[in-house]
Every structure is written in structure tokens, then in C-alpha cells.
Amino acid sequence: MQNVIVRNIEPGDNAALASIIRKSLEEFNAAKYGTVYYDKATDHLYELFSSTPRSTYFVAVLNGEIIGGAGIFPTANLPEGYCELVKMYLAKEARGLGLGRMMISKCLEAAKDMGFTKVYLESMPELSRAIQVYEKFGFSYLKGPLGNSGHTGCDIWMEKEL
């Protein structure tokens, strides 16, 4: 993607990322309890990722403006070798340009570099376009959740071997 910079999250990114996440969920009628929409950590992503070993969060910036983000997180109680693809959201104007694929690729590469062997994710039917992208990356469906993300509003669970 031309002119897009992908970098690690910085302290001043919290408000812009929280806004993108919540606006995205509102747009797709997925702003429901048990999702990242109501998660207090959504407003403090820098602190969460900078204080958690074996986690990382990438921010996409276009012309100085944050347009999306995605991360890898060692969610509590996941099976050995697993991490979770988390908080993968793009601003409306950033969708359909290949940025989502770029961000997912960067996260999968980071997960592999950190020694993880599988990546887990949670989603919901309202985010069907994202689910199609996950399928193209080789994520397969699970019958139930893994670990303890606290996101009981998600009812699609997927995993991918690295």
C-alpha cells in the first residue's frame, strides 16, 4: 500500500485506535456487550501491549493519520503454543485496499518470530468481510472458544497453524 506506514503502537495512539474500533463495530451493528466495544482495555492499548510479554500491536498510518491496527496477544488460558490475533480493525476509508491482508501478514509473521505455533481469533457474523479474509489466510473454524478473552459476545472461533 502506497504511503502507508506500519509501526509499533505508541503512547499517543490510544484514542484514535479506540475510536476506529468502536466506530467499526457500530457500523456493522456489532457494538454489543461481551465484545471489545465495552472492553476497558480498548482505551489503553498502548499500556496493555507494552506491559505484556510476547505481545505486539501494529498501527497503520496514512499521511500522519492512524487508519487501523492489529495485534498478537498471549490471551490467558490458551493452549500451549497459541496466541490470539486481536483488535484487527480498519477505518472505513482504509478498507478494501489490501491493508487488512497486510496487517494480518505482519501479525502472523510476528507470532511466528515470537515462537508461537498457532494463532487463534474470535469474531462474529456481523464482521463477515473480515471472516472471508481470515478464511483466505487458512484459518479454520473451531466448535467453541479457547482461552479466556472475556469476549462472550463473539461466537465465531478460528485458528491457524503457523
N, C-alpha and C. Protein backbone atom coordinates (compact mmCIF):
# COMPACT_ATOMS: atom_id res chain seq x y z
N MET A 1 0.85 -1.18 0.00
CA MET A 1 0.00 0.00 0.00
C MET A 1 0.89 1.24 0.00
N GLN A 2 0.62 2.05 -0.95
CA GLN A 2 1.41 3.27 -1.14
C GLN A 2 1.20 4.25 0.02
N ASN A 3 2.29 4.78 0.53
CA ASN A 3 2.29 5.81 1.57
C ASN A 3 1.78 5.35 2.93
N VAL A 4 1.52 4.08 3.12
CA VAL A 4 1.09 3.58 4.42
C VAL A 4 2.33 3.14 5.19
N ILE A 5 2.40 3.60 6.41
CA ILE A 5 3.48 3.21 7.32
C ILE A 5 2.86 2.30 8.38
N VAL A 6 3.48 1.16 8.61
CA VAL A 6 3.05 0.27 9.69
C VAL A 6 4.16 0.30 10.73
N ARG A 7 3.76 0.63 11.96
CA ARG A 7 4.72 0.77 13.05
C ARG A 7 4.13 0.19 14.32
N ASN A 8 4.97 0.08 15.33
CA ASN A 8 4.50 -0.38 16.64
C ASN A 8 3.68 0.73 17.30
N ILE A 9 2.77 0.31 18.14
CA ILE A 9 1.91 1.25 18.86
C ILE A 9 2.75 2.18 19.73
N GLU A 10 2.29 3.42 19.85
CA GLU A 10 2.96 4.45 20.65
C GLU A 10 1.97 5.00 21.67
N PRO A 11 2.47 5.64 22.73
CA PRO A 11 1.60 6.13 23.81
C PRO A 11 0.45 7.03 23.33
N GLY A 12 0.67 7.83 22.33
CA GLY A 12 -0.37 8.75 21.88
C GLY A 12 -1.41 8.16 20.95
N ASP A 13 -1.35 6.85 20.70
CA ASP A 13 -2.25 6.21 19.72
C ASP A 13 -3.59 5.75 20.31
N ASN A 14 -3.70 5.70 21.62
CA ASN A 14 -4.86 5.07 22.25
C ASN A 14 -6.20 5.62 21.78
N ALA A 15 -6.39 6.92 21.80
CA ALA A 15 -7.71 7.50 21.49
C ALA A 15 -8.11 7.22 20.03
N ALA A 16 -7.18 7.37 19.10
CA ALA A 16 -7.50 7.14 17.69
C ALA A 16 -7.87 5.68 17.45
N LEU A 17 -7.13 4.76 18.05
CA LEU A 17 -7.42 3.34 17.87
C LEU A 17 -8.75 2.96 18.50
N ALA A 18 -9.03 3.44 19.70
CA ALA A 18 -10.31 3.14 20.35
C ALA A 18 -11.46 3.66 19.51
N SER A 19 -11.30 4.82 18.90
CA SER A 19 -12.34 5.39 18.05
C SER A 19 -12.57 4.52 16.81
N ILE A 20 -11.50 4.07 16.17
CA ILE A 20 -11.63 3.21 14.98
C ILE A 20 -12.33 1.91 15.34
N ILE A 21 -11.93 1.30 16.45
CA ILE A 21 -12.54 0.04 16.87
C ILE A 21 -14.03 0.22 17.13
N ARG A 22 -14.39 1.21 17.89
CA ARG A 22 -15.81 1.39 18.25
C ARG A 22 -16.65 1.82 17.05
N LYS A 23 -16.13 2.70 16.21
CA LYS A 23 -16.88 3.12 15.01
C LYS A 23 -17.09 1.94 14.07
N SER A 24 -16.08 1.09 13.94
CA SER A 24 -16.22 -0.09 13.08
C SER A 24 -17.32 -1.01 13.58
N LEU A 25 -17.32 -1.27 14.87
CA LEU A 25 -18.35 -2.14 15.44
C LEU A 25 -19.74 -1.52 15.31
N GLU A 26 -19.85 -0.22 15.49
CA GLU A 26 -21.14 0.46 15.30
C GLU A 26 -21.60 0.33 13.86
N GLU A 27 -20.69 0.54 12.93
CA GLU A 27 -21.01 0.48 11.50
C GLU A 27 -21.59 -0.87 11.10
N PHE A 28 -21.08 -1.94 11.70
CA PHE A 28 -21.53 -3.29 11.35
C PHE A 28 -22.55 -3.85 12.34
N ASN A 29 -23.17 -2.97 13.13
CA ASN A 29 -24.18 -3.36 14.12
C ASN A 29 -23.66 -4.46 15.05
N ALA A 30 -22.42 -4.32 15.46
CA ALA A 30 -21.79 -5.32 16.33
C ALA A 30 -21.30 -4.72 17.63
N ALA A 31 -21.80 -3.55 17.99
CA ALA A 31 -21.40 -2.88 19.24
C ALA A 31 -22.22 -3.46 20.39
N LYS A 32 -21.88 -4.68 20.77
CA LYS A 32 -22.68 -5.35 21.79
C LYS A 32 -21.83 -5.73 23.00
N TYR A 33 -22.51 -5.98 24.11
CA TYR A 33 -21.81 -6.39 25.32
C TYR A 33 -21.09 -7.70 25.07
N GLY A 34 -19.98 -7.89 25.75
CA GLY A 34 -19.19 -9.09 25.58
C GLY A 34 -18.23 -8.99 24.41
N THR A 35 -18.04 -7.78 23.88
CA THR A 35 -17.09 -7.56 22.79
C THR A 35 -16.08 -6.50 23.21
N VAL A 36 -15.10 -6.29 22.35
CA VAL A 36 -14.07 -5.29 22.60
C VAL A 36 -14.67 -3.88 22.71
N TYR A 37 -15.89 -3.69 22.20
CA TYR A 37 -16.55 -2.38 22.25
C TYR A 37 -16.63 -1.88 23.70
N TYR A 38 -16.94 -2.78 24.62
CA TYR A 38 -17.11 -2.41 26.03
C TYR A 38 -15.90 -2.78 26.89
N ASP A 39 -14.85 -3.29 26.28
CA ASP A 39 -13.66 -3.69 27.00
C ASP A 39 -12.88 -2.44 27.42
N LYS A 40 -12.60 -2.31 28.71
CA LYS A 40 -11.86 -1.14 29.20
C LYS A 40 -10.46 -1.04 28.60
N ALA A 41 -9.87 -2.18 28.24
CA ALA A 41 -8.54 -2.19 27.65
C ALA A 41 -8.51 -1.49 26.29
N THR A 42 -9.65 -1.37 25.63
CA THR A 42 -9.71 -0.72 24.31
C THR A 42 -9.21 0.72 24.38
N ASP A 43 -9.38 1.37 25.50
CA ASP A 43 -8.94 2.75 25.67
C ASP A 43 -7.49 2.85 26.13
N HIS A 44 -6.85 1.71 26.35
CA HIS A 44 -5.48 1.70 26.90
C HIS A 44 -4.63 0.64 26.20
N LEU A 45 -4.71 0.60 24.88
CA LEU A 45 -3.99 -0.44 24.15
C LEU A 45 -2.47 -0.33 24.30
N TYR A 46 -1.95 0.87 24.29
CA TYR A 46 -0.51 1.02 24.44
C TYR A 46 -0.04 0.39 25.75
N GLU A 47 -0.72 0.71 26.84
CA GLU A 47 -0.34 0.19 28.15
C GLU A 47 -0.47 -1.34 28.19
N LEU A 48 -1.54 -1.86 27.61
CA LEU A 48 -1.77 -3.30 27.60
C LEU A 48 -0.65 -4.03 26.87
N PHE A 49 -0.35 -3.58 25.65
CA PHE A 49 0.64 -4.29 24.85
C PHE A 49 2.07 -4.05 25.33
N SER A 50 2.36 -2.86 25.84
CA SER A 50 3.73 -2.58 26.28
C SER A 50 4.05 -3.28 27.60
N SER A 51 3.04 -3.69 28.34
CA SER A 51 3.28 -4.35 29.63
C SER A 51 3.10 -5.87 29.57
N THR A 52 2.76 -6.41 28.40
CA THR A 52 2.52 -7.85 28.29
C THR A 52 3.60 -8.51 27.43
N PRO A 53 4.40 -9.38 28.04
CA PRO A 53 5.42 -10.08 27.26
C PRO A 53 4.80 -10.91 26.14
N ARG A 54 5.54 -11.07 25.05
CA ARG A 54 5.12 -11.85 23.89
C ARG A 54 3.83 -11.33 23.27
N SER A 55 3.66 -10.01 23.30
CA SER A 55 2.54 -9.38 22.60
C SER A 55 3.10 -8.26 21.74
N THR A 56 2.34 -7.88 20.74
CA THR A 56 2.72 -6.74 19.91
C THR A 56 1.48 -6.18 19.25
N TYR A 57 1.50 -4.88 19.00
CA TYR A 57 0.37 -4.25 18.32
C TYR A 57 0.92 -3.31 17.26
N PHE A 58 0.43 -3.48 16.04
CA PHE A 58 0.86 -2.68 14.90
C PHE A 58 -0.20 -1.65 14.55
N VAL A 59 0.26 -0.48 14.18
CA VAL A 59 -0.62 0.63 13.81
C VAL A 59 -0.32 1.01 12.36
N ALA A 60 -1.37 1.17 11.56
CA ALA A 60 -1.22 1.62 10.17
C ALA A 60 -1.50 3.12 10.12
N VAL A 61 -0.59 3.86 9.49
CA VAL A 61 -0.69 5.32 9.43
C VAL A 61 -0.61 5.74 7.95
N LEU A 62 -1.53 6.59 7.55
CA LEU A 62 -1.53 7.15 6.19
C LEU A 62 -1.55 8.66 6.30
N ASN A 63 -0.55 9.29 5.72
CA ASN A 63 -0.44 10.76 5.76
C ASN A 63 -0.57 11.32 7.18
N GLY A 64 0.07 10.63 8.12
CA GLY A 64 0.07 11.09 9.51
C GLY A 64 -1.17 10.74 10.30
N GLU A 65 -2.14 10.08 9.67
CA GLU A 65 -3.40 9.73 10.36
C GLU A 65 -3.47 8.23 10.57
N ILE A 66 -3.82 7.81 11.79
CA ILE A 66 -3.99 6.39 12.10
C ILE A 66 -5.24 5.89 11.38
N ILE A 67 -5.08 4.78 10.62
CA ILE A 67 -6.21 4.24 9.87
C ILE A 67 -6.53 2.80 10.25
N GLY A 68 -5.77 2.23 11.19
CA GLY A 68 -6.09 0.88 11.62
C GLY A 68 -5.02 0.29 12.52
N GLY A 69 -5.31 -0.91 12.98
CA GLY A 69 -4.37 -1.61 13.84
C GLY A 69 -4.72 -3.08 13.97
N ALA A 70 -3.74 -3.85 14.44
CA ALA A 70 -3.94 -5.27 14.68
C ALA A 70 -2.80 -5.75 15.57
N GLY A 71 -3.09 -6.78 16.37
CA GLY A 71 -2.06 -7.25 17.28
C GLY A 71 -2.07 -8.74 17.53
N ILE A 72 -1.04 -9.18 18.22
CA ILE A 72 -0.88 -10.56 18.68
C ILE A 72 -0.80 -10.49 20.19
N PHE A 73 -1.55 -11.37 20.86
CA PHE A 73 -1.61 -11.32 22.32
C PHE A 73 -1.66 -12.74 22.89
N PRO A 74 -0.90 -12.99 23.96
CA PRO A 74 -0.92 -14.30 24.61
C PRO A 74 -2.09 -14.41 25.59
N THR A 75 -3.29 -14.47 25.07
CA THR A 75 -4.51 -14.50 25.87
C THR A 75 -4.44 -15.59 26.93
N ALA A 76 -4.94 -15.27 28.11
CA ALA A 76 -4.90 -16.20 29.24
C ALA A 76 -5.58 -17.52 28.90
N ASN A 77 -4.98 -18.60 29.35
CA ASN A 77 -5.51 -19.96 29.27
C ASN A 77 -5.63 -20.52 27.85
N LEU A 78 -4.94 -19.92 26.88
CA LEU A 78 -4.88 -20.55 25.56
C LEU A 78 -4.00 -21.79 25.67
N PRO A 79 -4.23 -22.77 24.79
CA PRO A 79 -3.35 -23.95 24.80
C PRO A 79 -1.90 -23.57 24.51
N GLU A 80 -0.99 -24.43 24.90
CA GLU A 80 0.45 -24.22 24.68
C GLU A 80 0.73 -23.92 23.21
N GLY A 81 1.53 -22.87 22.98
CA GLY A 81 1.93 -22.52 21.62
C GLY A 81 1.00 -21.56 20.90
N TYR A 82 -0.13 -21.25 21.51
CA TYR A 82 -1.12 -20.37 20.88
C TYR A 82 -0.94 -18.92 21.29
N CYS A 83 -1.31 -18.02 20.38
CA CYS A 83 -1.53 -16.62 20.69
C CYS A 83 -2.83 -16.23 19.99
N GLU A 84 -3.30 -15.03 20.25
CA GLU A 84 -4.55 -14.59 19.65
C GLU A 84 -4.30 -13.38 18.75
N LEU A 85 -4.91 -13.39 17.58
CA LEU A 85 -4.94 -12.21 16.70
C LEU A 85 -6.04 -11.32 17.28
N VAL A 86 -5.68 -10.11 17.69
CA VAL A 86 -6.63 -9.27 18.43
C VAL A 86 -6.75 -7.87 17.83
N LYS A 87 -7.92 -7.30 18.08
CA LYS A 87 -8.19 -5.89 17.79
C LYS A 87 -7.72 -5.50 16.39
N MET A 88 -8.16 -6.31 15.40
CA MET A 88 -7.86 -6.10 13.99
C MET A 88 -8.99 -5.26 13.41
N TYR A 89 -8.76 -3.96 13.32
CA TYR A 89 -9.79 -3.03 12.85
C TYR A 89 -9.18 -1.99 11.93
N LEU A 90 -9.95 -1.61 10.92
CA LEU A 90 -9.53 -0.57 9.98
C LEU A 90 -10.60 0.50 9.90
N ALA A 91 -10.16 1.75 9.73
CA ALA A 91 -11.11 2.84 9.50
C ALA A 91 -11.84 2.57 8.18
N LYS A 92 -13.04 3.05 8.07
CA LYS A 92 -13.88 2.80 6.89
C LYS A 92 -13.14 3.11 5.59
N GLU A 93 -12.44 4.23 5.55
CA GLU A 93 -11.75 4.65 4.33
C GLU A 93 -10.52 3.79 4.01
N ALA A 94 -10.11 2.96 4.94
CA ALA A 94 -8.93 2.11 4.74
C ALA A 94 -9.28 0.70 4.29
N ARG A 95 -10.57 0.38 4.23
CA ARG A 95 -10.99 -0.97 3.87
C ARG A 95 -11.03 -1.16 2.35
N GLY A 96 -10.79 -2.39 1.94
CA GLY A 96 -10.85 -2.73 0.52
C GLY A 96 -9.59 -2.39 -0.26
N LEU A 97 -8.53 -1.99 0.44
CA LEU A 97 -7.28 -1.58 -0.22
C LEU A 97 -6.15 -2.59 -0.04
N GLY A 98 -6.45 -3.70 0.63
CA GLY A 98 -5.41 -4.69 0.90
C GLY A 98 -4.68 -4.49 2.21
N LEU A 99 -5.06 -3.46 2.94
CA LEU A 99 -4.38 -3.16 4.21
C LEU A 99 -4.65 -4.25 5.25
N GLY A 100 -5.85 -4.78 5.29
CA GLY A 100 -6.17 -5.84 6.24
C GLY A 100 -5.27 -7.05 6.04
N ARG A 101 -5.10 -7.45 4.78
CA ARG A 101 -4.21 -8.57 4.48
C ARG A 101 -2.78 -8.26 4.91
N MET A 102 -2.36 -7.02 4.68
CA MET A 102 -1.02 -6.62 5.06
C MET A 102 -0.85 -6.70 6.58
N MET A 103 -1.82 -6.22 7.32
CA MET A 103 -1.74 -6.22 8.78
C MET A 103 -1.76 -7.65 9.34
N ILE A 104 -2.62 -8.50 8.78
CA ILE A 104 -2.69 -9.88 9.24
C ILE A 104 -1.36 -10.57 8.97
N SER A 105 -0.80 -10.37 7.78
CA SER A 105 0.50 -10.97 7.44
C SER A 105 1.57 -10.55 8.44
N LYS A 106 1.58 -9.27 8.77
CA LYS A 106 2.58 -8.75 9.72
C LYS A 106 2.39 -9.40 11.10
N CYS A 107 1.14 -9.56 11.52
CA CYS A 107 0.86 -10.19 12.82
C CYS A 107 1.27 -11.66 12.81
N LEU A 108 0.97 -12.39 11.73
CA LEU A 108 1.33 -13.80 11.67
C LEU A 108 2.84 -13.97 11.68
N GLU A 109 3.53 -13.11 10.97
CA GLU A 109 4.99 -13.13 10.96
C GLU A 109 5.55 -12.86 12.36
N ALA A 110 4.98 -11.88 13.05
CA ALA A 110 5.43 -11.57 14.41
C ALA A 110 5.17 -12.74 15.35
N ALA A 111 4.01 -13.37 15.21
CA ALA A 111 3.67 -14.51 16.07
C ALA A 111 4.69 -15.64 15.87
N LYS A 112 5.01 -15.91 14.63
CA LYS A 112 5.98 -16.96 14.33
C LYS A 112 7.35 -16.59 14.90
N ASP A 113 7.75 -15.33 14.73
CA ASP A 113 9.04 -14.87 15.26
C ASP A 113 9.10 -14.97 16.78
N MET A 114 7.95 -14.85 17.45
CA MET A 114 7.91 -14.95 18.92
C MET A 114 7.82 -16.39 19.39
N GLY A 115 7.79 -17.33 18.46
CA GLY A 115 7.79 -18.74 18.83
C GLY A 115 6.43 -19.39 18.97
N PHE A 116 5.36 -18.68 18.61
CA PHE A 116 4.04 -19.29 18.65
C PHE A 116 3.89 -20.26 17.48
N THR A 117 3.07 -21.29 17.66
CA THR A 117 2.85 -22.27 16.59
C THR A 117 1.44 -22.21 16.02
N LYS A 118 0.51 -21.59 16.75
CA LYS A 118 -0.86 -21.45 16.26
C LYS A 118 -1.40 -20.08 16.65
N VAL A 119 -2.27 -19.57 15.79
CA VAL A 119 -2.93 -18.29 16.04
C VAL A 119 -4.43 -18.54 16.11
N TYR A 120 -5.04 -18.02 17.14
CA TYR A 120 -6.47 -18.14 17.42
C TYR A 120 -7.10 -16.76 17.22
N LEU A 121 -8.36 -16.74 16.83
CA LEU A 121 -9.09 -15.48 16.79
C LEU A 121 -10.56 -15.70 17.10
N GLU A 122 -11.20 -14.61 17.51
CA GLU A 122 -12.63 -14.61 17.79
C GLU A 122 -13.27 -13.52 16.94
N SER A 123 -14.46 -13.81 16.44
CA SER A 123 -15.17 -12.82 15.64
C SER A 123 -16.66 -13.04 15.79
N MET A 124 -17.42 -12.41 14.91
CA MET A 124 -18.88 -12.54 14.95
C MET A 124 -19.43 -12.42 13.53
N PRO A 125 -20.62 -12.96 13.27
CA PRO A 125 -21.18 -12.96 11.91
C PRO A 125 -21.28 -11.57 11.29
N GLU A 126 -21.48 -10.54 12.10
CA GLU A 126 -21.60 -9.19 11.58
C GLU A 126 -20.33 -8.73 10.84
N LEU A 127 -19.22 -9.35 11.15
CA LEU A 127 -17.94 -8.97 10.54
C LEU A 127 -17.57 -9.96 9.44
N SER A 128 -18.54 -10.28 8.59
CA SER A 128 -18.38 -11.33 7.57
C SER A 128 -17.26 -11.03 6.58
N ARG A 129 -17.03 -9.77 6.25
CA ARG A 129 -15.95 -9.45 5.31
C ARG A 129 -14.59 -9.81 5.91
N ALA A 130 -14.41 -9.55 7.18
CA ALA A 130 -13.15 -9.92 7.84
C ALA A 130 -13.01 -11.44 7.89
N ILE A 131 -14.10 -12.13 8.16
CA ILE A 131 -14.06 -13.59 8.25
C ILE A 131 -13.63 -14.19 6.91
N GLN A 132 -14.09 -13.62 5.81
CA GLN A 132 -13.67 -14.10 4.48
C GLN A 132 -12.16 -13.95 4.30
N VAL A 133 -11.60 -12.86 4.81
CA VAL A 133 -10.15 -12.65 4.72
C VAL A 133 -9.43 -13.70 5.57
N TYR A 134 -9.93 -13.96 6.78
CA TYR A 134 -9.32 -14.97 7.64
C TYR A 134 -9.33 -16.34 6.95
N GLU A 135 -10.44 -16.67 6.30
CA GLU A 135 -10.54 -17.94 5.58
C GLU A 135 -9.47 -18.02 4.49
N LYS A 136 -9.25 -16.93 3.77
CA LYS A 136 -8.24 -16.91 2.70
C LYS A 136 -6.84 -17.11 3.27
N PHE A 137 -6.62 -16.73 4.50
CA PHE A 137 -5.33 -16.92 5.16
C PHE A 137 -5.17 -18.34 5.69
N GLY A 138 -6.22 -19.13 5.58
CA GLY A 138 -6.13 -20.52 6.04
C GLY A 138 -6.62 -20.76 7.44
N PHE A 139 -7.29 -19.78 8.04
CA PHE A 139 -7.89 -20.01 9.35
C PHE A 139 -9.04 -21.00 9.19
N SER A 140 -9.16 -21.94 10.11
CA SER A 140 -10.25 -22.90 10.09
C SER A 140 -11.13 -22.69 11.33
N TYR A 141 -12.37 -23.13 11.21
CA TYR A 141 -13.35 -22.91 12.27
C TYR A 141 -13.19 -23.90 13.42
N LEU A 142 -13.46 -23.40 14.61
CA LEU A 142 -13.48 -24.22 15.82
C LEU A 142 -14.92 -24.31 16.31
N LYS A 143 -15.22 -25.33 17.11
CA LYS A 143 -16.58 -25.50 17.63
C LYS A 143 -16.87 -24.66 18.86
N GLY A 144 -15.82 -24.13 19.48
CA GLY A 144 -16.01 -23.33 20.68
C GLY A 144 -14.79 -22.47 20.95
N PRO A 145 -14.89 -21.61 21.95
CA PRO A 145 -13.79 -20.70 22.26
C PRO A 145 -12.62 -21.40 22.95
N LEU A 146 -11.46 -20.78 22.81
CA LEU A 146 -10.26 -21.21 23.52
C LEU A 146 -9.84 -20.07 24.44
N GLY A 147 -9.17 -20.40 25.52
CA GLY A 147 -8.64 -19.36 26.39
C GLY A 147 -9.72 -18.56 27.10
N ASN A 148 -9.30 -17.40 27.62
CA ASN A 148 -10.21 -16.57 28.40
C ASN A 148 -10.07 -15.12 27.97
N SER A 149 -10.63 -14.79 26.80
CA SER A 149 -10.56 -13.41 26.29
C SER A 149 -11.55 -12.51 27.01
N GLY A 150 -12.61 -13.10 27.56
CA GLY A 150 -13.66 -12.31 28.18
C GLY A 150 -14.68 -11.79 27.18
N HIS A 151 -14.52 -12.12 25.91
CA HIS A 151 -15.41 -11.61 24.86
C HIS A 151 -16.50 -12.63 24.55
N THR A 152 -17.45 -12.69 25.44
CA THR A 152 -18.55 -13.65 25.32
C THR A 152 -19.52 -13.31 24.20
N GLY A 153 -19.42 -12.10 23.65
CA GLY A 153 -20.29 -11.69 22.54
C GLY A 153 -19.81 -12.22 21.19
N CYS A 154 -18.65 -12.83 21.17
CA CYS A 154 -18.12 -13.41 19.93
C CYS A 154 -18.55 -14.87 19.84
N ASP A 155 -19.04 -15.27 18.67
CA ASP A 155 -19.49 -16.65 18.53
C ASP A 155 -18.92 -17.34 17.29
N ILE A 156 -17.84 -16.78 16.77
CA ILE A 156 -17.06 -17.44 15.73
C ILE A 156 -15.63 -17.53 16.25
N TRP A 157 -15.10 -18.75 16.19
CA TRP A 157 -13.75 -19.01 16.70
C TRP A 157 -12.97 -19.71 15.59
N MET A 158 -11.76 -19.26 15.36
CA MET A 158 -10.94 -19.80 14.28
C MET A 158 -9.48 -19.96 14.75
N GLU A 159 -8.74 -20.82 14.05
CA GLU A 159 -7.33 -20.99 14.35
C GLU A 159 -6.55 -21.26 13.07
N LYS A 160 -5.27 -20.98 13.15
CA LYS A 160 -4.37 -21.22 12.02
C LYS A 160 -3.05 -21.72 12.55
N GLU A 161 -2.53 -22.75 11.91
CA GLU A 161 -1.19 -23.23 12.24
C GLU A 161 -0.17 -22.38 11.50
N LEU A 162 0.88 -22.01 12.21
CA LEU A 162 1.94 -21.19 11.59
C LEU A 162 3.00 -22.07 10.92
